[in-house]
C-alpha atoms as a PDB file:
ATOM      1  CA  MET A   1      -5.860 -49.943  46.396  1.00  0.00           C
ATOM      2  CA  ARG A   2      -5.183 -46.741  44.358  1.00  0.00           C
ATOM      3  CA  HIS A   3      -5.973 -46.184  40.801  1.00  0.00           C
ATOM      4  CA  HIS A   4      -4.030 -43.262  38.941  1.00  0.00           C
ATOM      5  CA  PHE A   5      -5.613 -41.874  35.856  1.00  0.00           C
ATOM      6  CA  ARG A   6      -2.867 -40.021  33.683  1.00  0.00           C
ATOM      7  CA  ARG A   7      -4.410 -37.139  31.337  1.00  0.00           C
ATOM      8  CA  ARG A   8      -4.127 -37.668  27.854  1.00  0.00           C
ATOM      9  CA  GLN A   9      -2.112 -34.650  26.004  1.00  0.00           C
ATOM     10  CA  SER A  10      -3.617 -33.542  23.321  1.00  0.00           C
ATOM     11  CA  ILE A  11      -1.885 -33.811  20.338  1.00  0.00           C
ATOM     12  CA  SER A  12      -4.275 -30.605  18.217  1.00  0.00           C
ATOM     13  CA  ALA A  13      -3.286 -28.431  21.191  1.00  0.00           C
ATOM     14  CA  LYS A  14       0.195 -29.426  20.778  1.00  0.00           C
ATOM     15  CA  TRP A  15       0.539 -28.938  16.878  1.00  0.00           C
ATOM     16  CA  SER A  16      -1.829 -25.459  17.383  1.00  0.00           C
ATOM     17  CA  VAL A  17       1.174 -23.830  19.052  1.00  0.00           C
ATOM     18  CA  ARG A  18       3.485 -25.288  16.471  1.00  0.00           C
ATOM     19  CA  VAL A  19       1.934 -24.280  13.672  1.00  0.00           C
ATOM     20  CA  ALA A  20       1.184 -20.901  14.531  1.00  0.00           C
ATOM     21  CA  PHE A  21       4.716 -19.907  15.339  1.00  0.00           C
ATOM     22  CA  LEU A  22       5.528 -21.318  11.898  1.00  0.00           C
ATOM     23  CA  ALA A  23       2.650 -18.805  10.286  1.00  0.00           C
ATOM     24  CA  ALA A  24       4.831 -15.926  12.133  1.00  0.00           C
ATOM     25  CA  ILE A  25       7.685 -16.710  11.131  1.00  0.00           C
ATOM     26  CA  LEU A  26       6.902 -17.093   7.595  1.00  0.00           C
ATOM     27  CA  PHE A  27       5.289 -14.235   7.781  1.00  0.00           C
ATOM     28  CA  VAL A  28       8.488 -12.074   9.252  1.00  0.00           C
ATOM     29  CA  LEU A  29      10.409 -13.555   6.955  1.00  0.00           C
ATOM     30  CA  SER A  30       8.502 -13.200   3.279  1.00  0.00           C
ATOM     31  CA  GLY A  31       7.695  -9.483   4.860  1.00  0.00           C
ATOM     32  CA  LEU A  32      11.466  -8.857   4.913  1.00  0.00           C
ATOM     33  CA  GLY A  33      12.337 -10.416   1.917  1.00  0.00           C
ATOM     34  CA  HIS A  34       9.839  -8.630   0.478  1.00  0.00           C
ATOM     35  CA  ARG A  35      10.753  -5.259   1.940  1.00  0.00           C
ATOM     36  CA  PHE A  36      13.904  -5.448   1.069  1.00  0.00           C
ATOM     37  CA  GLU A  37      13.626  -6.708  -2.647  1.00  0.00           C
ATOM     38  CA  ARG A  38      14.793 -10.059  -2.031  1.00  0.00           C
ATOM     39  CA  ILE A  39      11.498 -11.630  -3.125  1.00  0.00           C
ATOM     40  CA  GLU A  40       9.220 -10.523  -6.152  1.00  0.00           C
ATOM     41  CA  THR A  41       5.453  -9.291  -4.942  1.00  0.00           C
ATOM     42  CA  PRO A  42       3.678 -12.183  -6.768  1.00  0.00           C
ATOM     43  CA  GLU A  43       5.461 -14.581  -5.020  1.00  0.00           C
ATOM     44  CA  PHE A  44       5.049 -12.913  -2.032  1.00  0.00           C
ATOM     45  CA  LEU A  45       1.298 -12.643  -2.270  1.00  0.00           C
ATOM     46  CA  TRP A  46       1.207 -16.047  -2.592  1.00  0.00           C
ATOM     47  CA  LEU A  47       3.673 -16.711   0.751  1.00  0.00           C
ATOM     48  CA  LEU A  48       0.909 -14.165   2.566  1.00  0.00           C
ATOM     49  CA  ALA A  49      -2.081 -16.858   1.142  1.00  0.00           C
ATOM     50  CA  VAL A  50       0.500 -19.773   2.948  1.00  0.00           C
ATOM     51  CA  VAL A  51       0.731 -17.766   5.897  1.00  0.00           C
ATOM     52  CA  ALA A  52      -3.209 -17.343   6.173  1.00  0.00           C
ATOM     53  CA  GLY A  53      -3.873 -21.033   5.553  1.00  0.00           C
ATOM     54  CA  LEU A  54      -1.571 -21.755   8.210  1.00  0.00           C
ATOM     55  CA  ALA A  55      -2.300 -19.255  11.026  1.00  0.00           C
ATOM     56  CA  LEU A  56      -6.377 -20.249  10.078  1.00  0.00           C
ATOM     57  CA  LEU A  57      -4.773 -24.038  10.900  1.00  0.00           C
ATOM     58  CA  ALA A  58      -3.387 -22.704  14.062  1.00  0.00           C
ATOM     59  CA  LEU A  59      -6.886 -21.179  15.218  1.00  0.00           C
ATOM     60  CA  LEU A  60      -9.091 -24.421  14.457  1.00  0.00           C
ATOM     61  CA  LEU A  61      -6.317 -26.590  16.230  1.00  0.00           C
ATOM     62  CA  SER A  62      -6.391 -24.465  18.739  1.00  0.00           C
ATOM     63  CA  PHE A  63     -10.427 -24.456  19.023  1.00  0.00           C
ATOM     64  CA  LYS A  64     -10.173 -28.245  18.995  1.00  0.00           C
ATOM     65  CA  GLY A  65      -7.677 -28.312  21.773  1.00  0.00           C
ATOM     66  CA  PHE A  66      -9.924 -26.322  24.001  1.00  0.00           C
ATOM     67  CA  THR A  67     -12.762 -28.458  23.198  1.00  0.00           C
ATOM     68  CA  SER A  68     -10.678 -32.035  24.241  1.00  0.00           C
ATOM     69  CA  LEU A  69      -9.440 -30.122  27.228  1.00  0.00           C
ATOM     70  CA  TRP A  70     -12.772 -29.402  28.525  1.00  0.00           C
ATOM     71  CA  ARG A  71     -14.493 -33.074  27.286  1.00  0.00           C
ATOM     72  CA  ARG A  72     -12.011 -35.272  28.188  1.00  0.00           C
ATOM     73  CA  GLY A  73     -10.108 -33.307  30.726  1.00  0.00           C
ATOM     74  CA  ASP A  74      -6.397 -33.986  27.914  1.00  0.00           C
ATOM     75  CA  ARG A  75      -3.199 -31.725  28.739  1.00  0.00           C
ATOM     76  CA  GLY A  76      -2.426 -28.779  26.476  1.00  0.00           C
ATOM     77  CA  GLY A  77      -4.223 -25.722  27.446  1.00  0.00           C
ATOM     78  CA  PRO A  78      -1.273 -23.672  27.723  1.00  0.00           C
ATOM     79  CA  SER A  79      -0.414 -24.903  24.230  1.00  0.00           C
ATOM     80  CA  ALA A  80      -4.074 -23.983  22.531  1.00  0.00           C
ATOM     81  CA  PHE A  81      -3.784 -20.928  24.796  1.00  0.00           C
ATOM     82  CA  TRP A  82      -0.522 -19.591  22.769  1.00  0.00           C
ATOM     83  CA  GLY A  83      -1.421 -20.938  19.443  1.00  0.00           C
ATOM     84  CA  GLY A  84      -4.816 -19.414  19.215  1.00  0.00           C
ATOM     85  CA  VAL A  85      -3.324 -15.855  20.516  1.00  0.00           C
ATOM     86  CA  ILE A  86      -0.274 -16.355  18.004  1.00  0.00           C
ATOM     87  CA  ALA A  87      -2.383 -17.350  15.155  1.00  0.00           C
ATOM     88  CA  LEU A  88      -4.736 -14.124  15.933  1.00  0.00           C
ATOM     89  CA  VAL A  89      -1.798 -11.874  15.431  1.00  0.00           C
ATOM     90  CA  VAL A  90      -0.862 -13.033  12.528  1.00  0.00           C
ATOM     91  CA  LEU A  91      -4.591 -13.355  10.904  1.00  0.00           C
ATOM     92  CA  ALA A  92      -5.486  -9.327  12.301  1.00  0.00           C
ATOM     93  CA  PRO A  93      -3.665  -7.670   9.652  1.00  0.00           C
ATOM     94  CA  PHE A  94      -5.191  -9.933   7.152  1.00  0.00           C
ATOM     95  CA  ALA A  95      -8.821  -9.353   8.429  1.00  0.00           C
ATOM     96  CA  MET A  96      -7.914  -5.521   8.312  1.00  0.00           C
ATOM     97  CA  THR A  97      -7.011  -5.732   5.059  1.00  0.00           C
ATOM     98  CA  LEU A  98     -10.304  -7.745   4.108  1.00  0.00           C
ATOM     99  CA  TYR A  99     -12.252  -4.678   6.311  1.00  0.00           C
ATOM    100  CA  GLN A 100     -10.478  -2.412   3.858  1.00  0.00           C
ATOM    101  CA  ALA A 101     -11.198  -4.026   0.104  1.00  0.00           C
ATOM    102  CA  LEU A 102     -15.239  -4.341   1.657  1.00  0.00           C
ATOM    103  CA  ALA A 103     -15.124  -0.831   2.516  1.00  0.00           C
ATOM    104  CA  LEU A 104     -13.092   0.772  -0.302  1.00  0.00           C
ATOM    105  CA  PRO A 105     -13.477   0.693  -4.219  1.00  0.00           C
ATOM    106  CA  THR A 106     -11.561  -2.083  -6.280  1.00  0.00           C
ATOM    107  CA  LEU A 107      -8.996   0.751  -7.808  1.00  0.00           C
ATOM    108  CA  TYR A 108      -5.146   0.433  -8.248  1.00  0.00           C
ATOM    109  CA  ASP A 109      -4.916   3.338 -10.923  1.00  0.00           C
ATOM    110  CA  VAL A 110      -5.820   7.042  -9.297  1.00  0.00           C
ATOM    111  CA  SER A 111      -5.002  10.265 -10.639  1.00  0.00           C
ATOM    112  CA  THR A 112      -5.897  13.967 -10.084  1.00  0.00           C
ATOM    113  CA  ASP A 113      -7.397  13.757 -13.782  1.00  0.00           C
ATOM    114  CA  ILE A 114      -9.701  11.331 -14.477  1.00  0.00           C
ATOM    115  CA  ALA A 115     -10.298  12.897 -17.744  1.00  0.00           C
ATOM    116  CA  ASP A 116      -6.937  12.912 -19.149  1.00  0.00           C
ATOM    117  CA  PRO A 117      -4.565  11.059 -16.517  1.00  0.00           C
ATOM    118  CA  PRO A 118      -1.078  12.071 -16.687  1.00  0.00           C
ATOM    119  CA  GLU A 119       1.096   9.279 -18.924  1.00  0.00           C
ATOM    120  CA  LEU A 120       3.532   6.965 -17.608  1.00  0.00           C
ATOM    121  CA  PHE A 121       6.373   7.328 -20.187  1.00  0.00           C
ATOM    122  CA  ALA A 122       9.369   5.286 -18.973  1.00  0.00           C
ATOM    123  CA  ALA A 123       9.991   2.663 -20.668  1.00  0.00           C
ATOM    124  CA  GLY A 124      10.931  -0.934 -19.490  1.00  0.00           C
ATOM    125  CA  GLN A 125       9.690  -0.517 -16.080  1.00  0.00           C
ATOM    126  CA  ARG A 126       6.269  -2.833 -16.417  1.00  0.00           C
ATOM    127  CA  SER A 127       5.970  -5.743 -17.117  1.00  0.00           C
ATOM    128  CA  GLU A 128       3.188  -7.814 -18.954  1.00  0.00           C
ATOM    129  CA  ARG A 129       2.564  -9.444 -14.997  1.00  0.00           C
ATOM    130  CA  MET A 130       1.954  -5.814 -13.446  1.00  0.00           C
ATOM    131  CA  ASN A 131      -1.320  -4.129 -13.467  1.00  0.00           C
ATOM    132  CA  PRO A 132      -2.430  -2.699 -17.149  1.00  0.00           C
ATOM    133  CA  LEU A 133      -3.504   0.798 -16.598  1.00  0.00           C
ATOM    134  CA  VAL A 134      -7.397   1.462 -17.011  1.00  0.00           C
ATOM    135  CA  ASN A 135      -9.397   4.808 -17.310  1.00  0.00           C
ATOM    136  CA  ASP A 136     -12.809   3.698 -18.192  1.00  0.00           C
ATOM    137  CA  GLU A 137     -15.920   5.133 -16.884  1.00  0.00           C
ATOM    138  CA  GLU A 138     -16.592   2.522 -14.225  1.00  0.00           C
ATOM    139  CA  SER A 139     -13.259   3.425 -12.620  1.00  0.00           C
ATOM    140  CA  ARG A 140     -13.852   7.189 -12.816  1.00  0.00           C
ATOM    141  CA  GLY A 141     -17.079   7.073 -11.305  1.00  0.00           C
ATOM    142  CA  LEU A 142     -15.607   4.693  -8.666  1.00  0.00           C
ATOM    143  CA  GLN A 143     -12.996   7.488  -8.102  1.00  0.00           C
ATOM    144  CA  SER A 144     -14.779  10.332  -8.195  1.00  0.00           C
ATOM    145  CA  SER A 145     -17.135   9.410  -5.686  1.00  0.00           C
ATOM    146  CA  ALA A 146     -14.843   7.312  -2.882  1.00  0.00           C
ATOM    147  CA  TYR A 147     -12.274  10.118  -3.254  1.00  0.00           C
ATOM    148  CA  PRO A 148     -12.926  13.695  -4.009  1.00  0.00           C
ATOM    149  CA  GLN A 149     -10.430  15.046  -2.037  1.00  0.00           C
ATOM    150  CA  VAL A 150      -7.713  13.888  -4.706  1.00  0.00           C
ATOM    151  CA  THR A 151      -7.192  17.107  -6.646  1.00  0.00           C
ATOM    152  CA  GLY A 152      -4.476  19.129  -8.426  1.00  0.00           C
ATOM    153  CA  ARG A 153      -3.235  22.359  -7.634  1.00  0.00           C
ATOM    154  CA  ARG A 154      -2.512  25.622  -9.242  1.00  0.00           C
ATOM    155  CA  TYR A 155       0.959  27.650  -8.433  1.00  0.00           C
ATOM    156  CA  ASP A 156       1.203  31.212  -8.886  1.00  0.00           C
ATOM    157  CA  GLY A 157       5.132  30.314 -10.189  1.00  0.00           C
ATOM    158  CA  SER A 158       7.262  29.346 -13.023  1.00  0.00           C
ATOM    159  CA  PRO A 159       7.357  25.551 -13.680  1.00  0.00           C
ATOM    160  CA  ASP A 160      11.320  25.840 -13.000  1.00  0.00           C
ATOM    161  CA  ARG A 161      10.350  26.799  -9.421  1.00  0.00           C
ATOM    162  CA  ILE A 162       7.496  24.113  -8.878  1.00  0.00           C
ATOM    163  CA  LEU A 163       9.556  21.629 -10.223  1.00  0.00           C
ATOM    164  CA  THR A 164      12.205  22.596  -7.824  1.00  0.00           C
ATOM    165  CA  ALA A 165       9.557  21.884  -5.062  1.00  0.00           C
ATOM    166  CA  VAL A 166       8.214  18.632  -6.311  1.00  0.00           C
ATOM    167  CA  ASN A 167      11.611  17.136  -6.351  1.00  0.00           C
ATOM    168  CA  THR A 168      12.293  18.174  -3.047  1.00  0.00           C
ATOM    169  CA  VAL A 169       8.607  16.663  -1.882  1.00  0.00           C
ATOM    170  CA  VAL A 170       9.733  13.301  -3.431  1.00  0.00           C
ATOM    171  CA  SER A 171      13.285  13.406  -1.767  1.00  0.00           C
ATOM    172  CA  ASN A 172      11.788  14.007   1.403  1.00  0.00           C
ATOM    173  CA  ASN A 173       9.437  10.988   0.542  1.00  0.00           C
ATOM    174  CA  GLY A 174      12.390   8.439  -0.371  1.00  0.00           C
ATOM    175  CA  TRP A 175      11.149   7.657  -3.306  1.00  0.00           C
ATOM    176  CA  THR A 176      13.142   6.887  -6.785  1.00  0.00           C
ATOM    177  CA  VAL A 177      13.238   9.260  -9.557  1.00  0.00           C
ATOM    178  CA  LEU A 178      13.066   7.535 -13.157  1.00  0.00           C
ATOM    179  CA  SER A 179      13.085   9.679 -15.427  1.00  0.00           C
ATOM    180  CA  GLN A 180      12.453  13.614 -16.771  1.00  0.00           C
ATOM    181  CA  LYS A 181      10.301  14.404 -19.917  1.00  0.00           C
ATOM    182  CA  GLY A 182       9.932  17.942 -20.563  1.00  0.00           C
ATOM    183  CA  GLU A 183      12.354  21.144 -19.384  1.00  0.00           C
ATOM    184  CA  PRO A 184      11.208  23.843 -17.955  1.00  0.00           C
ATOM    185  CA  GLY A 185      10.989  26.642 -20.514  1.00  0.00           C
ATOM    186  CA  ASP A 186      11.287  24.509 -23.722  1.00  0.00           C
ATOM    187  CA  ASP A 187       8.202  22.594 -23.183  1.00  0.00           C
ATOM    188  CA  GLU A 188       4.674  23.467 -21.929  1.00  0.00           C
ATOM    189  CA  GLU A 189       4.136  20.001 -19.938  1.00  0.00           C
ATOM    190  CA  ILE A 190       6.498  18.753 -17.741  1.00  0.00           C
ATOM    191  CA  LEU A 191       6.449  14.546 -16.770  1.00  0.00           C
ATOM    192  CA  LEU A 192       8.170  13.355 -13.984  1.00  0.00           C
ATOM    193  CA  GLU A 193       8.062  10.105 -13.069  1.00  0.00           C
ATOM    194  CA  VAL A 194       8.778   7.996 -10.230  1.00  0.00           C
ATOM    195  CA  VAL A 195       8.608   4.643  -8.171  1.00  0.00           C
ATOM    196  CA  ALA A 196       7.160   4.664  -4.575  1.00  0.00           C
ATOM    197  CA  ARG A 197       7.276   1.828  -2.222  1.00  0.00           C
ATOM    198  CA  THR A 198       4.861   1.301   1.178  1.00  0.00           C
ATOM    199  CA  TRP A 199       7.344   1.538   4.185  1.00  0.00           C
ATOM    200  CA  LEU A 200       6.556  -1.550   5.924  1.00  0.00           C
ATOM    201  CA  LEU A 201       6.140  -4.286   3.179  1.00  0.00           C
ATOM    202  CA  GLY A 202       7.473  -2.493   0.648  1.00  0.00           C
ATOM    203  CA  PHE A 203       4.365  -2.851  -2.068  1.00  0.00           C
ATOM    204  CA  THR A 204       5.417  -0.710  -5.582  1.00  0.00           C
ATOM    205  CA  SER A 205       3.423   2.132  -7.144  1.00  0.00           C
ATOM    206  CA  ASP A 206       4.407   3.929 -10.137  1.00  0.00           C
ATOM    207  CA  VAL A 207       4.010   7.408  -9.721  1.00  0.00           C
ATOM    208  CA  VAL A 208       3.986  10.506 -12.214  1.00  0.00           C
ATOM    209  CA  VAL A 209       3.654  14.192 -11.536  1.00  0.00           C
ATOM    210  CA  ARG A 210       2.687  16.538 -14.119  1.00  0.00           C
ATOM    211  CA  LEU A 211       3.511  20.237 -14.282  1.00  0.00           C
ATOM    212  CA  THR A 212       1.594  22.074 -16.885  1.00  0.00           C
ATOM    213  CA  ASP A 213       2.793  25.906 -18.124  1.00  0.00           C
ATOM    214  CA  GLU A 214      -0.388  28.039 -17.518  1.00  0.00           C
ATOM    215  CA  GLY A 215       2.049  31.373 -18.381  1.00  0.00           C
ATOM    216  CA  GLU A 216       1.612  32.983 -14.867  1.00  0.00           C
ATOM    217  CA  THR A 217       0.887  29.860 -13.013  1.00  0.00           C
ATOM    218  CA  THR A 218       1.682  26.284 -12.729  1.00  0.00           C
ATOM    219  CA  TYR A 219      -0.980  23.588 -12.293  1.00  0.00           C
ATOM    220  CA  VAL A 220       0.536  20.492 -10.882  1.00  0.00           C
ATOM    221  CA  ASP A 221      -1.533  16.846 -11.355  1.00  0.00           C
ATOM    222  CA  MET A 222      -0.560  13.373 -10.052  1.00  0.00           C
ATOM    223  CA  ARG A 223      -1.081   9.639 -10.776  1.00  0.00           C
ATOM    224  CA  SER A 224      -0.569   6.939  -8.725  1.00  0.00           C
ATOM    225  CA  VAL A 225      -0.627   2.903 -10.008  1.00  0.00           C
ATOM    226  CA  SER A 226      -0.202  -0.474  -7.949  1.00  0.00           C
ATOM    227  CA  ARG A 227       2.282  -2.562  -9.985  1.00  0.00           C
ATOM    228  CA  TYR A 228      -0.109  -5.641  -8.365  1.00  0.00           C
ATOM    229  CA  GLY A 229      -3.195  -6.472  -6.541  1.00  0.00           C
ATOM    230  CA  ILE A 230      -6.425  -5.955  -8.034  1.00  0.00           C
ATOM    231  CA  HIS A 231      -7.278  -3.255  -4.970  1.00  0.00           C
ATOM    232  CA  ASP A 232      -5.000  -0.759  -3.773  1.00  0.00           C
ATOM    233  CA  LEU A 233      -6.700  -0.421  -0.191  1.00  0.00           C
ATOM    234  CA  GLY A 234      -7.030   3.256  -0.501  1.00  0.00           C
ATOM    235  CA  GLU A 235      -3.140   3.965  -0.828  1.00  0.00           C
ATOM    236  CA  ASN A 236      -2.991   5.732  -4.060  1.00  0.00           C
ATOM    237  CA  ALA A 237      -5.286   7.887  -3.087  1.00  0.00           C
ATOM    238  CA  ASP A 238      -3.805   8.245   0.176  1.00  0.00           C
ATOM    239  CA  ARG A 239      -0.212   9.183  -1.248  1.00  0.00           C
ATOM    240  CA  ILE A 240      -1.620  11.319  -3.589  1.00  0.00           C
ATOM    241  CA  THR A 241      -3.575  13.461  -1.325  1.00  0.00           C
ATOM    242  CA  ALA A 242      -0.183  13.558   1.101  1.00  0.00           C
ATOM    243  CA  PHE A 243       2.219  14.435  -1.471  1.00  0.00           C
ATOM    244  CA  MET A 244      -0.211  17.611  -2.379  1.00  0.00           C
ATOM    245  CA  THR A 245      -0.490  18.663   0.960  1.00  0.00           C
ATOM    246  CA  ALA A 246       3.000  18.490   1.320  1.00  0.00           C
ATOM    247  CA  LEU A 247       3.788  20.354  -2.107  1.00  0.00           C
ATOM    248  CA  ASP A 248       1.394  23.111  -0.731  1.00  0.00           C
ATOM    249  CA  THR A 249       3.913  23.573   2.303  1.00  0.00           C
ATOM    250  CA  GLU A 250       6.614  23.612   0.336  1.00  0.00           C
ATOM    251  CA  VAL A 251       5.604  25.699  -2.194  1.00  0.00           C
ATOM    252  CA  GLN A 252       4.345  28.425   0.082  1.00  0.00           C
ATOM    253  CA  GLY A 253       7.919  27.723   2.200  1.00  0.00           C
ATOM    254  CA  THR A 254       9.778  29.308  -0.896  1.00  0.00           C
ATOM    255  CA  GLN A 255       7.104  31.886  -2.189  1.00  0.00           C
ATOM    256  CA  PRO A 256       8.570  35.071  -2.886  1.00  0.00           C
ATOM    257  CA  ASP A 257       6.688  37.686  -1.132  1.00  0.00           C
ATOM    258  CA  GLU A 258       5.236  39.279  -4.044  1.00  0.00           C
ATOM    259  CA  GLU A 259       3.028  36.189  -5.279  1.00  0.00           C
ATOM    260  CA  THR A 260       0.490  34.544  -3.719  1.00  0.00           C
ATOM    261  CA  THR A 261       1.051  32.050  -1.039  1.00  0.00           C
ATOM    262  CA  GLN A 262      -1.901  30.185  -1.808  1.00  0.00           C
ATOM    263  CA  PRO A 263      -2.596  27.261  -3.946  1.00  0.00           C
ATOM    264  CA  GLU A 264      -6.056  27.391  -6.282  1.00  0.00           C
ATOM    265  CA  GLN A 265      -8.360  24.593  -6.480  1.00  0.00           C
ATOM    266  CA  PRO A 266      -8.862  23.702 -10.024  1.00  0.00           C
END
């Protein structure tokens, strides 16, 4: 008489792939909602925490499913495998974020002028929930050591022509201009405040560009402040560096022949 043994289905393996799919779907939907401004950043950060928790749970269930498969011969190997794979894919951005948070200084307010950063002046744009502006000795020291490349530029030419180049670069980046304070020829200092968003998930920073009329030259400073999160993961420093590089190219491309085309470092 033959005895047939029926292998049990691993409950952990089955739920591993389900929870992993739920984490992936929630990640995509919440990311799209934040990118297209349907979800506010604080709520989005809470959703990311939920996504990370679900992905970790799916990974643990996948491991338990493989353990049951190895010890008792339970069924569910494919479910455990795909649950683990999907969970690892979802967790990859979180792992990269953690690495950047540990490797880079804890900053969210970065400026080319750490002694006298450009002023954010547009009223009604920053709420109490957002990061406060900082300019203390500790943050200045962290920025100086971590981002020495974040510096202003001095250009030959009048503020009106440099302001035109600044506006061109702002437009090319897809940033939104909020307000301008000061006019070329009337004021020694001109401030242009804009809103910049990251291209993938749409995290928002307030940016201000300051042009100082020095007579025959114009000096350009810049400040970028993340609205939320105690760590910008280097985003603001990268934004300023990329903007200044693009501004160099734009100014050189529009420079009259009689003027020098090389921007001066301070």
